[in-house]
Structures are given as C-alpha cells and as structure tokens.
Amino acid sequence: MVKNAGIFFFALLLLASASCKFNPNLQGKGTESIQGIWEEDSVDYQNERLQYSRHQFRFTCDSVYLTIKTFAKVNTYPDSCFNNGTWTEYAKGTYLSKGDTLMLTTTFTKSNFKQKISGCYRVGQYLPAFIIRKNTADSLYLESLKQHLNIKLSLKEKTVCIQKPLN
C-alpha cells in the first residue's frame, strides 16, 4: 500500500510539473489596431466650457502613456499652480482592450513619466474606462464611462509592438 501511494504521488508530481510553464518575461502585445500615437485635436463645445482637456495617447504594446493638456477659465487651484489657466498632466501604465471597452490602469507622473508623489494637480492612480465608439485606421472615438464625454482622436503615428523584457 505504501509503495502504491509513493508511485501515485510521484506520478502526480510529474503530471503537475509537466502541466506548468512559466509566463514569458516579456510585456504583453496589447491591441494591434490601437498601437501608435493618437491626439485629440479639438473638444466638443470647448469655447462654452469653463474647463476642458485635450488628450494624447501613446499605445506601445500593452503600455499607455497619456498627456492631458487642460485649459481653464476659472481658477480652482492655488495661484502658483493655475499657470494662467493652462497646464499639462502626464500618466503612464497599462491598458486592456476587451470588446468595445478600453480600461487604463495608470499613475500620474512627471513630464518624464517618472513617478509623481506630490505637486500641483492630480497625484496617484488614474483609472479611466472608455467605450470604443469607433476604431478605424486613422480615427479612434472614445466615450468616458465616468464623465460621459467624447474623445475624438486622430492617428498621428502608427507603431508596431516590439515586446521588451519586464525587468
């Protein structure tokens, strides 16, 4: 009985180790149709709004780099941060595109995309989610699920994913 139990556990160990494989130490490939640099040239009703933001998305493999340029007519920040109503924020992280949904998991950064832990404007995580309304070779229309605002992006530069090591 002990002999059979030993053979059983050895066979089970062989099966378990044969079924496991390590994930490659590479970043994911992301979504091919959105790889590249996308910019929002204008915002609907921007002249009527007290504040609006224009976005630039750079999708590289499964990573996203986001630049948000904000224009404001009303000061809601300390005077040293208001900068005459124009400022730029940056975020980087990863994205997941599934069906008609685009989810970003990003963190606000400095302009060099290094971590930002204090300063003017927003710090910490930025977790927007969008519905992809249209995705063609040269246009990407997103609708924010939180703000219900449309973001109409045009392709400025197409890129191809070259996966890099995660370390």
N, C-alpha and C. Protein backbone atom coordinates (compact mmCIF):
# COMPACT_ATOMS: atom_id res chain seq x y z
N MET A 1 0.81 -1.18 0.00
CA MET A 1 0.00 0.00 0.00
C MET A 1 0.86 1.26 0.00
N VAL A 2 1.93 1.27 0.80
CA VAL A 2 2.82 2.43 0.86
C VAL A 2 3.54 2.59 -0.47
N LYS A 3 3.90 1.47 -1.10
CA LYS A 3 4.58 1.51 -2.39
C LYS A 3 3.68 2.14 -3.45
N ASN A 4 2.39 1.75 -3.47
CA ASN A 4 1.44 2.30 -4.43
C ASN A 4 1.21 3.80 -4.19
N ALA A 5 1.17 4.20 -2.93
CA ALA A 5 0.98 5.61 -2.60
C ALA A 5 2.19 6.43 -3.08
N GLY A 6 3.40 5.90 -2.93
CA GLY A 6 4.61 6.58 -3.38
C GLY A 6 4.61 6.76 -4.90
N ILE A 7 4.22 5.71 -5.62
CA ILE A 7 4.16 5.77 -7.08
C ILE A 7 3.09 6.77 -7.51
N PHE A 8 1.94 6.76 -6.81
CA PHE A 8 0.86 7.69 -7.13
C PHE A 8 1.32 9.14 -6.95
N PHE A 9 1.96 9.45 -5.82
CA PHE A 9 2.42 10.82 -5.58
C PHE A 9 3.53 11.22 -6.55
N PHE A 10 4.39 10.29 -6.92
CA PHE A 10 5.44 10.58 -7.91
C PHE A 10 4.82 10.89 -9.27
N ALA A 11 3.83 10.08 -9.66
CA ALA A 11 3.14 10.31 -10.93
C ALA A 11 2.39 11.64 -10.89
N LEU A 12 1.76 11.95 -9.76
CA LEU A 12 1.05 13.22 -9.60
C LEU A 12 2.01 14.40 -9.70
N LEU A 13 3.18 14.26 -9.09
CA LEU A 13 4.20 15.32 -9.15
C LEU A 13 4.68 15.53 -10.59
N LEU A 14 4.90 14.44 -11.32
CA LEU A 14 5.30 14.54 -12.73
C LEU A 14 4.24 15.24 -13.57
N LEU A 15 2.98 14.85 -13.35
CA LEU A 15 1.88 15.47 -14.08
C LEU A 15 1.78 16.96 -13.78
N ALA A 16 1.88 17.31 -12.51
CA ALA A 16 1.77 18.71 -12.11
C ALA A 16 2.91 19.55 -12.70
N SER A 17 4.11 19.03 -12.65
CA SER A 17 5.24 19.81 -13.18
C SER A 17 5.19 19.89 -14.71
N ALA A 18 4.65 18.90 -15.37
CA ALA A 18 4.54 18.93 -16.82
C ALA A 18 3.46 19.90 -17.28
N SER A 19 2.46 20.11 -16.45
CA SER A 19 1.36 20.99 -16.85
C SER A 19 1.68 22.47 -16.59
N CYS A 20 2.71 22.74 -15.82
CA CYS A 20 3.05 24.13 -15.50
C CYS A 20 4.09 24.65 -16.47
N LYS A 21 3.98 25.92 -16.79
CA LYS A 21 5.02 26.57 -17.58
C LYS A 21 5.10 28.02 -17.10
N PHE A 22 6.28 28.56 -17.16
CA PHE A 22 6.47 29.93 -16.74
C PHE A 22 5.98 30.88 -17.81
N ASN A 23 5.37 31.98 -17.39
CA ASN A 23 5.00 33.01 -18.33
C ASN A 23 6.26 33.67 -18.86
N PRO A 24 6.26 34.08 -20.11
CA PRO A 24 7.45 34.74 -20.63
C PRO A 24 7.69 36.05 -19.88
N ASN A 25 8.94 36.40 -19.74
CA ASN A 25 9.31 37.61 -19.02
C ASN A 25 9.28 38.81 -19.97
N LEU A 26 8.20 38.91 -20.76
CA LEU A 26 8.03 39.99 -21.73
C LEU A 26 6.72 40.71 -21.47
N GLN A 27 6.69 42.00 -21.84
CA GLN A 27 5.43 42.72 -21.75
C GLN A 27 4.44 42.14 -22.74
N GLY A 28 3.15 42.37 -22.52
CA GLY A 28 2.12 41.85 -23.41
C GLY A 28 2.11 42.58 -24.74
N LYS A 29 1.42 41.99 -25.71
CA LYS A 29 1.38 42.58 -27.06
C LYS A 29 0.37 43.71 -27.19
N GLY A 30 -0.63 43.76 -26.32
CA GLY A 30 -1.64 44.81 -26.43
C GLY A 30 -2.56 44.56 -27.62
N THR A 31 -3.22 45.63 -28.06
CA THR A 31 -4.18 45.56 -29.15
C THR A 31 -3.56 46.21 -30.38
N GLU A 32 -3.40 45.44 -31.44
CA GLU A 32 -2.69 45.93 -32.63
C GLU A 32 -3.36 47.14 -33.27
N SER A 33 -4.68 47.17 -33.29
CA SER A 33 -5.39 48.24 -34.01
C SER A 33 -5.23 49.62 -33.36
N ILE A 34 -4.80 49.68 -32.10
CA ILE A 34 -4.65 51.00 -31.48
C ILE A 34 -3.18 51.36 -31.20
N GLN A 35 -2.25 50.54 -31.65
CA GLN A 35 -0.84 50.85 -31.45
C GLN A 35 -0.49 52.15 -32.17
N GLY A 36 0.14 53.08 -31.47
CA GLY A 36 0.56 54.33 -32.09
C GLY A 36 0.29 55.53 -31.20
N ILE A 37 0.45 56.71 -31.79
CA ILE A 37 0.21 57.97 -31.09
C ILE A 37 -1.07 58.58 -31.62
N TRP A 38 -2.01 58.83 -30.72
CA TRP A 38 -3.33 59.37 -31.05
C TRP A 38 -3.50 60.70 -30.33
N GLU A 39 -4.01 61.71 -31.04
CA GLU A 39 -4.20 63.03 -30.44
C GLU A 39 -5.62 63.53 -30.65
N GLU A 40 -6.08 64.24 -29.65
CA GLU A 40 -7.38 64.91 -29.71
C GLU A 40 -7.12 66.34 -30.18
N ASP A 41 -7.58 66.68 -31.38
CA ASP A 41 -7.29 68.00 -31.96
C ASP A 41 -8.20 69.09 -31.39
N SER A 42 -9.43 68.74 -31.09
CA SER A 42 -10.35 69.72 -30.50
C SER A 42 -11.35 68.98 -29.63
N VAL A 43 -12.04 69.74 -28.79
CA VAL A 43 -13.01 69.19 -27.85
C VAL A 43 -14.37 69.80 -28.17
N ASP A 44 -15.40 68.97 -28.17
CA ASP A 44 -16.76 69.49 -28.41
C ASP A 44 -17.08 70.60 -27.42
N TYR A 45 -17.60 71.70 -27.93
CA TYR A 45 -18.06 72.84 -27.12
C TYR A 45 -16.97 73.41 -26.22
N GLN A 46 -15.73 73.36 -26.67
CA GLN A 46 -14.64 73.82 -25.81
C GLN A 46 -14.74 75.31 -25.47
N ASN A 47 -15.27 76.12 -26.36
CA ASN A 47 -15.39 77.56 -26.08
C ASN A 47 -16.47 77.87 -25.06
N GLU A 48 -17.46 76.97 -24.91
CA GLU A 48 -18.53 77.19 -23.95
C GLU A 48 -18.20 76.64 -22.57
N ARG A 49 -17.19 75.84 -22.44
CA ARG A 49 -16.87 75.20 -21.17
C ARG A 49 -15.96 76.09 -20.31
N LEU A 50 -16.11 75.95 -19.00
CA LEU A 50 -15.22 76.65 -18.08
C LEU A 50 -13.86 75.95 -18.00
N GLN A 51 -13.84 74.66 -18.28
CA GLN A 51 -12.60 73.90 -18.29
C GLN A 51 -12.75 72.71 -19.22
N TYR A 52 -11.72 72.41 -19.98
CA TYR A 52 -11.72 71.22 -20.82
C TYR A 52 -10.29 70.72 -20.95
N SER A 53 -10.17 69.46 -21.36
CA SER A 53 -8.86 68.84 -21.52
C SER A 53 -8.75 68.20 -22.89
N ARG A 54 -7.55 68.30 -23.48
CA ARG A 54 -7.23 67.59 -24.72
C ARG A 54 -6.23 66.48 -24.39
N HIS A 55 -6.42 65.34 -25.02
CA HIS A 55 -5.64 64.15 -24.68
C HIS A 55 -4.72 63.72 -25.81
N GLN A 56 -3.61 63.13 -25.42
CA GLN A 56 -2.75 62.41 -26.34
C GLN A 56 -2.48 61.04 -25.71
N PHE A 57 -2.72 59.98 -26.47
CA PHE A 57 -2.47 58.62 -26.03
C PHE A 57 -1.34 58.05 -26.87
N ARG A 58 -0.37 57.42 -26.22
CA ARG A 58 0.67 56.68 -26.94
C ARG A 58 0.59 55.24 -26.46
N PHE A 59 0.12 54.36 -27.35
CA PHE A 59 -0.02 52.94 -27.03
C PHE A 59 1.19 52.21 -27.60
N THR A 60 1.94 51.55 -26.74
CA THR A 60 3.08 50.75 -27.17
C THR A 60 2.95 49.39 -26.49
N CYS A 61 2.69 48.37 -27.28
CA CYS A 61 2.41 47.02 -26.78
C CYS A 61 1.26 47.11 -25.78
N ASP A 62 1.47 46.69 -24.52
CA ASP A 62 0.38 46.77 -23.54
C ASP A 62 0.51 47.99 -22.63
N SER A 63 1.40 48.91 -22.98
CA SER A 63 1.63 50.11 -22.18
C SER A 63 0.93 51.31 -22.81
N VAL A 64 0.59 52.28 -21.96
CA VAL A 64 -0.01 53.52 -22.45
C VAL A 64 0.67 54.68 -21.73
N TYR A 65 0.95 55.72 -22.50
CA TYR A 65 1.49 56.98 -21.98
C TYR A 65 0.47 58.05 -22.36
N LEU A 66 0.03 58.80 -21.38
CA LEU A 66 -1.06 59.73 -21.56
C LEU A 66 -0.60 61.14 -21.22
N THR A 67 -0.91 62.09 -22.10
CA THR A 67 -0.66 63.51 -21.86
C THR A 67 -2.00 64.21 -21.90
N ILE A 68 -2.32 64.94 -20.83
CA ILE A 68 -3.60 65.64 -20.71
C ILE A 68 -3.31 67.12 -20.56
N LYS A 69 -3.67 67.90 -21.57
CA LYS A 69 -3.48 69.34 -21.53
C LYS A 69 -4.82 69.99 -21.19
N THR A 70 -4.84 70.74 -20.09
CA THR A 70 -6.08 71.32 -19.57
C THR A 70 -6.08 72.82 -19.76
N PHE A 71 -7.25 73.34 -20.13
CA PHE A 71 -7.48 74.77 -20.32
C PHE A 71 -8.63 75.16 -19.40
N ALA A 72 -8.41 76.19 -18.56
CA ALA A 72 -9.44 76.58 -17.59
C ALA A 72 -9.64 78.09 -17.60
N LYS A 73 -10.89 78.51 -17.46
CA LYS A 73 -11.23 79.92 -17.35
C LYS A 73 -11.37 80.34 -15.89
N VAL A 74 -11.56 79.35 -15.00
CA VAL A 74 -11.78 79.61 -13.58
C VAL A 74 -10.68 78.92 -12.79
N ASN A 75 -10.13 79.61 -11.82
CA ASN A 75 -9.05 79.07 -11.01
C ASN A 75 -9.61 78.23 -9.87
N THR A 76 -9.29 76.94 -9.88
CA THR A 76 -9.69 76.05 -8.78
C THR A 76 -8.47 75.51 -8.05
N TYR A 77 -7.28 76.00 -8.38
CA TYR A 77 -6.02 75.56 -7.77
C TYR A 77 -5.35 76.74 -7.10
N PRO A 78 -4.36 76.50 -6.25
CA PRO A 78 -3.59 77.63 -5.71
C PRO A 78 -3.01 78.46 -6.87
N ASP A 79 -2.85 79.74 -6.66
CA ASP A 79 -2.38 80.63 -7.73
C ASP A 79 -1.06 80.16 -8.34
N SER A 80 -0.18 79.58 -7.55
CA SER A 80 1.11 79.12 -8.08
C SER A 80 0.95 77.95 -9.06
N CYS A 81 -0.16 77.25 -9.01
CA CYS A 81 -0.41 76.11 -9.90
C CYS A 81 -1.28 76.47 -11.10
N PHE A 82 -2.05 77.53 -11.02
CA PHE A 82 -3.04 77.83 -12.06
C PHE A 82 -2.40 78.09 -13.42
N ASN A 83 -1.24 78.70 -13.46
CA ASN A 83 -0.47 78.89 -14.69
C ASN A 83 -1.30 79.54 -15.81
N ASN A 84 -1.99 80.60 -15.48
CA ASN A 84 -2.82 81.33 -16.45
C ASN A 84 -3.87 80.44 -17.12
N GLY A 85 -4.29 79.40 -16.43
CA GLY A 85 -5.37 78.55 -16.94
C GLY A 85 -4.95 77.47 -17.92
N THR A 86 -3.66 77.18 -18.02
CA THR A 86 -3.20 76.12 -18.92
C THR A 86 -2.16 75.27 -18.20
N TRP A 87 -2.38 73.97 -18.15
CA TRP A 87 -1.39 73.08 -17.55
C TRP A 87 -1.48 71.71 -18.20
N THR A 88 -0.42 70.92 -18.00
CA THR A 88 -0.33 69.60 -18.61
C THR A 88 -0.05 68.57 -17.52
N GLU A 89 -0.78 67.47 -17.60
CA GLU A 89 -0.57 66.35 -16.69
C GLU A 89 -0.17 65.13 -17.52
N TYR A 90 0.55 64.23 -16.86
CA TYR A 90 1.05 63.03 -17.53
C TYR A 90 0.71 61.81 -16.70
N ALA A 91 0.48 60.68 -17.39
CA ALA A 91 0.22 59.42 -16.70
C ALA A 91 0.79 58.29 -17.56
N LYS A 92 1.20 57.23 -16.89
CA LYS A 92 1.65 56.04 -17.63
C LYS A 92 1.19 54.80 -16.90
N GLY A 93 1.06 53.73 -17.67
CA GLY A 93 0.64 52.46 -17.09
C GLY A 93 0.33 51.46 -18.18
N THR A 94 -0.65 50.63 -17.92
CA THR A 94 -1.04 49.61 -18.88
C THR A 94 -2.50 49.79 -19.26
N TYR A 95 -2.90 49.10 -20.32
CA TYR A 95 -4.29 49.16 -20.75
C TYR A 95 -4.76 47.77 -21.12
N LEU A 96 -6.07 47.63 -21.13
CA LEU A 96 -6.70 46.39 -21.57
C LEU A 96 -7.86 46.77 -22.46
N SER A 97 -7.88 46.22 -23.65
CA SER A 97 -8.97 46.45 -24.58
C SER A 97 -9.70 45.12 -24.76
N LYS A 98 -10.95 45.12 -24.38
CA LYS A 98 -11.74 43.89 -24.47
C LYS A 98 -13.10 44.23 -25.06
N GLY A 99 -13.38 43.71 -26.23
CA GLY A 99 -14.63 44.02 -26.90
C GLY A 99 -14.66 45.50 -27.24
N ASP A 100 -15.70 46.21 -26.74
CA ASP A 100 -15.80 47.64 -27.03
C ASP A 100 -15.35 48.50 -25.84
N THR A 101 -14.60 47.91 -24.90
CA THR A 101 -14.19 48.63 -23.70
C THR A 101 -12.67 48.76 -23.64
N LEU A 102 -12.23 49.95 -23.27
CA LEU A 102 -10.81 50.23 -23.08
C LEU A 102 -10.62 50.69 -21.64
N MET A 103 -9.82 49.96 -20.88
CA MET A 103 -9.57 50.29 -19.48
C MET A 103 -8.10 50.61 -19.28
N LEU A 104 -7.84 51.73 -18.62
CA LEU A 104 -6.47 52.13 -18.33
C LEU A 104 -6.20 51.96 -16.85
N THR A 105 -5.02 51.47 -16.54
CA THR A 105 -4.53 51.40 -15.17
C THR A 105 -3.24 52.19 -15.16
N THR A 106 -3.35 53.47 -14.82
CA THR A 106 -2.21 54.37 -14.93
C THR A 106 -1.99 55.11 -13.61
N THR A 107 -0.83 55.76 -13.54
CA THR A 107 -0.46 56.58 -12.40
C THR A 107 0.01 57.93 -12.93
N PHE A 108 -0.38 59.01 -12.27
CA PHE A 108 0.09 60.33 -12.68
C PHE A 108 1.60 60.41 -12.48
N THR A 109 2.26 61.04 -13.43
CA THR A 109 3.72 61.12 -13.41
C THR A 109 4.17 62.56 -13.67
N LYS A 110 5.47 62.74 -13.61
CA LYS A 110 6.09 64.00 -14.05
C LYS A 110 6.17 63.95 -15.57
N SER A 111 6.65 65.03 -16.19
CA SER A 111 6.71 65.09 -17.65
C SER A 111 7.65 64.04 -18.26
N ASN A 112 8.60 63.53 -17.48
CA ASN A 112 9.50 62.49 -17.97
C ASN A 112 8.95 61.08 -17.71
N PHE A 113 7.71 61.00 -17.29
CA PHE A 113 6.98 59.76 -17.00
C PHE A 113 7.59 58.98 -15.83
N LYS A 114 8.27 59.69 -14.93
CA LYS A 114 8.73 59.11 -13.67
C LYS A 114 7.68 59.42 -12.61
N GLN A 115 7.61 58.60 -11.58
CA GLN A 115 6.55 58.71 -10.57
C GLN A 115 6.46 60.09 -9.95
N LYS A 116 5.25 60.57 -9.79
CA LYS A 116 4.95 61.86 -9.15
C LYS A 116 4.24 61.56 -7.84
N ILE A 117 4.80 62.07 -6.74
CA ILE A 117 4.17 61.81 -5.44
C ILE A 117 3.65 63.08 -4.79
N SER A 118 3.94 64.24 -5.38
CA SER A 118 3.40 65.49 -4.84
C SER A 118 3.48 66.56 -5.92
N GLY A 119 2.91 67.71 -5.62
CA GLY A 119 2.96 68.82 -6.55
C GLY A 119 1.58 69.29 -6.95
N CYS A 120 1.57 70.15 -7.94
CA CYS A 120 0.30 70.69 -8.43
C CYS A 120 -0.51 69.60 -9.14
N TYR A 121 -1.82 69.80 -9.15
CA TYR A 121 -2.76 68.97 -9.88
C TYR A 121 -2.88 67.58 -9.27
N ARG A 122 -3.21 66.60 -10.07
CA ARG A 122 -3.54 65.29 -9.53
C ARG A 122 -2.30 64.42 -9.31
N VAL A 123 -2.34 63.60 -8.27
CA VAL A 123 -1.31 62.60 -8.00
C VAL A 123 -2.02 61.27 -7.74
N GLY A 124 -1.27 60.19 -7.79
CA GLY A 124 -1.84 58.87 -7.52
C GLY A 124 -2.33 58.19 -8.78
N GLN A 125 -3.25 57.28 -8.62
CA GLN A 125 -3.75 56.50 -9.75
C GLN A 125 -4.76 57.27 -10.59
N TYR A 126 -4.74 56.95 -11.88
CA TYR A 126 -5.73 57.46 -12.83
C TYR A 126 -6.29 56.23 -13.53
N LEU A 127 -7.56 55.94 -13.29
CA LEU A 127 -8.16 54.68 -13.74
C LEU A 127 -9.37 54.91 -14.62
N PRO A 128 -9.21 55.57 -15.76
CA PRO A 128 -10.37 55.80 -16.61
C PRO A 128 -10.77 54.55 -17.39
N ALA A 129 -12.02 54.50 -17.77
CA ALA A 129 -12.54 53.44 -18.62
C ALA A 129 -13.35 54.10 -19.73
N PHE A 130 -13.26 53.54 -20.93
CA PHE A 130 -13.89 54.13 -22.09
C PHE A 130 -14.65 53.06 -22.87
N ILE A 131 -15.69 53.49 -23.55
CA ILE A 131 -16.32 52.67 -24.58
C ILE A 131 -15.71 53.10 -25.91
N ILE A 132 -15.27 52.13 -26.69
CA ILE A 132 -14.72 52.43 -28.01
C ILE A 132 -15.90 52.55 -28.98
N ARG A 133 -16.22 53.77 -29.37
CA ARG A 133 -17.35 54.03 -30.27
C ARG A 133 -16.97 53.79 -31.73
N LYS A 134 -15.71 54.07 -32.08
CA LYS A 134 -15.27 53.90 -33.47
C LYS A 134 -13.76 53.69 -33.46
N ASN A 135 -13.29 52.72 -34.23
CA ASN A 135 -11.86 52.47 -34.34
C ASN A 135 -11.55 52.12 -35.79
N THR A 136 -11.03 53.10 -36.52
CA THR A 136 -10.63 52.89 -37.91
C THR A 136 -9.12 53.06 -37.99
N ALA A 137 -8.59 52.97 -39.20
CA ALA A 137 -7.14 53.09 -39.38
C ALA A 137 -6.60 54.43 -38.92
N ASP A 138 -7.42 55.50 -39.00
CA ASP A 138 -6.90 56.83 -38.65
C ASP A 138 -7.73 57.58 -37.62
N SER A 139 -8.76 56.95 -37.04
CA SER A 139 -9.55 57.62 -36.02
C SER A 139 -9.96 56.64 -34.92
N LEU A 140 -10.02 57.18 -33.71
CA LEU A 140 -10.40 56.41 -32.54
C LEU A 140 -11.32 57.30 -31.71
N TYR A 141 -12.59 56.92 -31.58
CA TYR A 141 -13.56 57.69 -30.82
C TYR A 141 -13.88 56.94 -29.54
N LEU A 142 -13.63 57.61 -28.42
CA LEU A 142 -13.86 57.02 -27.11
C LEU A 142 -14.93 57.81 -26.38
N GLU A 143 -15.68 57.12 -25.52
CA GLU A 143 -16.63 57.78 -24.63
C GLU A 143 -16.25 57.40 -23.20
N SER A 144 -15.97 58.39 -22.38
CA SER A 144 -15.61 58.16 -21.00
C SER A 144 -16.81 57.59 -20.24
N LEU A 145 -16.59 56.50 -19.53
CA LEU A 145 -17.69 55.90 -18.75
C LEU A 145 -18.00 56.71 -17.50
N LYS A 146 -17.04 57.46 -16.97
CA LYS A 146 -17.29 58.25 -15.76
C LYS A 146 -17.85 59.62 -16.08
N GLN A 147 -17.29 60.29 -17.07
CA GLN A 147 -17.69 61.66 -17.38
C GLN A 147 -18.67 61.76 -18.54
N HIS A 148 -18.85 60.70 -19.28
CA HIS A 148 -19.73 60.66 -20.45
C HIS A 148 -19.33 61.73 -21.48
N LEU A 149 -18.04 61.97 -21.59
CA LEU A 149 -17.52 62.90 -22.59
C LEU A 149 -16.91 62.12 -23.74
N ASN A 150 -17.05 62.65 -24.95
CA ASN A 150 -16.47 62.01 -26.12
C ASN A 150 -15.05 62.51 -26.31
N ILE A 151 -14.17 61.60 -26.69
CA ILE A 151 -12.80 61.94 -27.02
C ILE A 151 -12.57 61.44 -28.44
N LYS A 152 -12.38 62.40 -29.36
CA LYS A 152 -12.18 62.06 -30.78
C LYS A 152 -10.71 62.20 -31.10
N LEU A 153 -10.06 61.06 -31.31
CA LEU A 153 -8.62 61.02 -31.53
C LEU A 153 -8.30 60.73 -32.99
N SER A 154 -7.23 61.34 -33.47
CA SER A 154 -6.76 61.02 -34.81
C SER A 154 -5.34 60.46 -34.70
N LEU A 155 -5.03 59.52 -35.58
CA LEU A 155 -3.73 58.85 -35.55
C LEU A 155 -2.66 59.79 -36.09
N LYS A 156 -1.63 60.01 -35.30
CA LYS A 156 -0.50 60.86 -35.71
C LYS A 156 0.68 60.03 -36.15
N GLU A 157 0.84 58.86 -35.55
CA GLU A 157 1.96 57.99 -35.91
C GLU A 157 1.61 56.55 -35.57
N LYS A 158 1.70 55.66 -36.54
CA LYS A 158 1.43 54.24 -36.32
C LYS A 158 2.71 53.58 -35.82
N THR A 159 2.59 52.71 -34.82
CA THR A 159 3.75 51.98 -34.33
C THR A 159 3.45 50.49 -34.32
N VAL A 160 4.52 49.70 -34.23
CA VAL A 160 4.41 48.26 -34.16
C VAL A 160 4.98 47.83 -32.81
N CYS A 161 4.31 46.92 -32.16
CA CYS A 161 4.73 46.45 -30.84
C CYS A 161 5.99 45.62 -30.97
N ILE A 162 7.03 46.04 -30.27
CA ILE A 162 8.25 45.24 -30.11
C ILE A 162 8.35 44.97 -28.62
N GLN A 163 8.01 43.75 -28.23
CA GLN A 163 7.95 43.41 -26.82
C GLN A 163 9.32 43.54 -26.17
N LYS A 164 9.32 44.12 -24.95
CA LYS A 164 10.56 44.29 -24.19
C LYS A 164 10.49 43.48 -22.91
N PRO A 165 11.65 43.12 -22.36
CA PRO A 165 11.67 42.39 -21.09
C PRO A 165 11.05 43.24 -19.98
N LEU A 166 10.43 42.59 -19.01
CA LEU A 166 9.79 43.28 -17.90
C LEU A 166 10.79 43.80 -16.87
N ASN A 167 11.98 43.26 -16.83
CA ASN A 167 12.96 43.70 -15.81
C ASN A 167 13.57 45.00 -16.17
